Amino acid sequence: MGIIGLFVSLFSTSTLAAAEPGAPPAAQYNKHLTCAVYYRMVAGSFKRQGNGILAAPALDQMNLMITRTKALGAALGHTEADYLSDWSDTLGVMTDQMNRNYDNIRQLKTRYQNRCKALND
């Protein structure tokens, strides 16, 4: 195994360990994917309101959740196409929960803010 392979292996292992000890990988995958989409939508809402500076922390959290989701997905045998399909499905559900109106972002915050924050603690 080369240096890159070793790095990817160590990174994936530490990412999975940090994700949520004890929960089944499929449940972890779904939670992290949901939070990745949630943070993306929060960042988008800030940007639409002209508060791009407030979007940065949400985008950082989104990137962390994406990294974890992809590592969990790889452990489950998911492909990039699987991930993109799951992202699209989750985005559709959340968009419907806001009645397709980004001004209703509070609907998502009420539902997901504490759950997603707990994944980062």
Protein backbone atom coordinates (compact mmCIF):
# COMPACT_ATOMS: atom_id res chain seq x y z
CA MET A 1 0.00 0.00 0.00
CA GLY A 2 1.40 3.35 -0.99
CA ILE A 3 1.45 6.51 1.07
CA ILE A 4 -1.78 7.77 -0.46
CA GLY A 5 -3.54 4.47 0.21
CA LEU A 6 -2.32 4.49 3.79
CA PHE A 7 -3.49 8.09 4.26
CA VAL A 8 -6.94 7.31 2.81
CA SER A 9 -7.21 4.23 5.00
CA LEU A 10 -6.26 6.12 8.18
CA PHE A 11 -8.47 9.06 7.26
CA SER A 12 -11.46 6.82 6.58
CA THR A 13 -10.99 4.94 9.85
CA SER A 14 -10.71 8.11 11.94
CA THR A 15 -13.64 9.68 10.10
CA LEU A 16 -15.83 6.65 10.77
CA ALA A 17 -14.80 6.51 14.43
CA ALA A 18 -15.64 10.18 14.88
CA ALA A 19 -18.97 9.77 13.12
CA GLU A 20 -21.06 8.08 15.82
CA PRO A 21 -19.77 5.12 17.79
CA GLY A 22 -22.16 2.21 18.14
CA ALA A 23 -24.72 3.22 15.51
CA PRO A 24 -25.08 0.96 12.47
CA PRO A 25 -23.16 2.32 9.45
CA ALA A 26 -26.34 2.70 7.36
CA ALA A 27 -27.95 4.83 10.10
CA GLN A 28 -24.79 6.91 10.41
CA TYR A 29 -24.70 7.37 6.65
CA ASN A 30 -28.29 8.62 6.57
CA LYS A 31 -27.81 10.98 9.52
CA HIS A 32 -24.66 12.52 8.08
CA LEU A 33 -26.15 12.83 4.60
CA THR A 34 -29.23 14.53 6.03
CA CYS A 35 -27.05 16.97 7.95
CA ALA A 36 -24.87 17.67 4.90
CA VAL A 37 -27.97 18.64 2.93
CA TYR A 38 -29.33 20.61 5.89
CA TYR A 39 -26.14 22.66 6.22
CA ARG A 40 -26.12 23.25 2.45
CA MET A 41 -29.65 24.59 2.59
CA VAL A 42 -28.86 26.81 5.58
CA ALA A 43 -25.83 28.22 3.75
CA GLY A 44 -27.97 28.82 0.67
CA SER A 45 -30.53 30.65 2.74
CA PHE A 46 -27.87 32.94 4.22
CA LYS A 47 -26.50 33.66 0.75
CA ARG A 48 -29.96 34.47 -0.61
CA GLN A 49 -30.40 36.97 2.21
CA GLY A 50 -27.10 38.63 1.36
CA ASN A 51 -25.35 37.23 4.44
CA GLY A 52 -22.57 35.31 2.70
CA ILE A 53 -20.27 35.70 5.69
CA LEU A 54 -22.76 33.74 7.81
CA ALA A 55 -22.83 30.97 5.21
CA ALA A 56 -19.16 30.05 5.73
CA PRO A 57 -19.59 28.09 9.00
CA ALA A 58 -22.54 26.20 7.53
CA LEU A 59 -20.48 25.33 4.45
CA ASP A 60 -17.65 24.10 6.69
CA GLN A 61 -20.11 21.84 8.52
CA MET A 62 -21.54 20.68 5.19
CA ASN A 63 -18.08 19.71 3.96
CA LEU A 64 -17.38 17.79 7.17
CA MET A 65 -20.68 15.91 6.83
CA ILE A 66 -20.00 15.17 3.16
CA THR A 67 -16.59 13.73 4.03
CA ARG A 68 -18.10 11.53 6.71
CA THR A 69 -21.04 10.52 4.50
CA LYS A 70 -18.78 9.48 1.65
CA ALA A 71 -16.51 7.48 3.99
CA LEU A 72 -19.52 5.73 5.49
CA GLY A 73 -20.95 5.14 2.03
CA ALA A 74 -17.69 3.62 0.83
CA ALA A 75 -17.73 1.27 3.84
CA LEU A 76 -21.24 0.24 2.81
CA GLY A 77 -20.20 -0.29 -0.81
CA HIS A 78 -21.95 2.79 -2.18
CA THR A 79 -20.74 4.37 -5.39
CA GLU A 80 -20.55 8.09 -6.18
CA ALA A 81 -23.77 7.63 -8.18
CA ASP A 82 -25.46 6.17 -5.09
CA TYR A 83 -24.31 9.15 -3.03
CA LEU A 84 -25.57 11.66 -5.62
CA SER A 85 -28.91 9.88 -5.84
CA ASP A 86 -29.26 9.85 -2.05
CA TRP A 87 -28.32 13.55 -1.93
CA SER A 88 -30.96 14.37 -4.53
CA ASP A 89 -33.63 12.37 -2.68
CA THR A 90 -32.79 14.02 0.65
CA LEU A 91 -32.73 17.48 -0.93
CA GLY A 92 -36.18 16.82 -2.40
CA VAL A 93 -37.60 15.79 0.97
CA MET A 94 -36.18 18.87 2.70
CA THR A 95 -37.34 21.18 -0.06
CA ASP A 96 -40.85 19.76 0.36
CA GLN A 97 -40.63 20.27 4.14
CA MET A 98 -40.06 23.98 3.47
CA ASN A 99 -42.93 24.04 0.97
CA ARG A 100 -40.35 24.81 -1.73
CA ASN A 101 -39.74 28.26 -0.21
CA TYR A 102 -36.30 29.13 1.20
CA ASP A 103 -37.94 31.80 3.34
CA ASN A 104 -39.28 28.85 5.37
CA ILE A 105 -35.77 27.65 6.34
CA ARG A 106 -36.98 27.80 9.96
CA GLN A 107 -38.92 24.59 9.25
CA LEU A 108 -35.62 22.77 8.70
CA LYS A 109 -33.85 24.44 11.61
CA THR A 110 -36.61 23.30 13.96
CA ARG A 111 -36.31 19.74 12.69
CA TYR A 112 -32.59 19.28 12.16
CA GLN A 113 -30.50 21.92 13.94
CA ASN A 114 -30.02 20.06 17.24
CA ARG A 115 -29.64 16.64 15.59
CA CYS A 116 -26.92 17.91 13.29
CA LYS A 117 -25.15 19.87 16.00
CA ALA A 118 -24.97 16.66 18.07
CA LEU A 119 -23.02 14.94 15.27
CA ASN A 120 -20.30 17.59 15.64
CA ASP A 121 -19.93 17.42 19.42
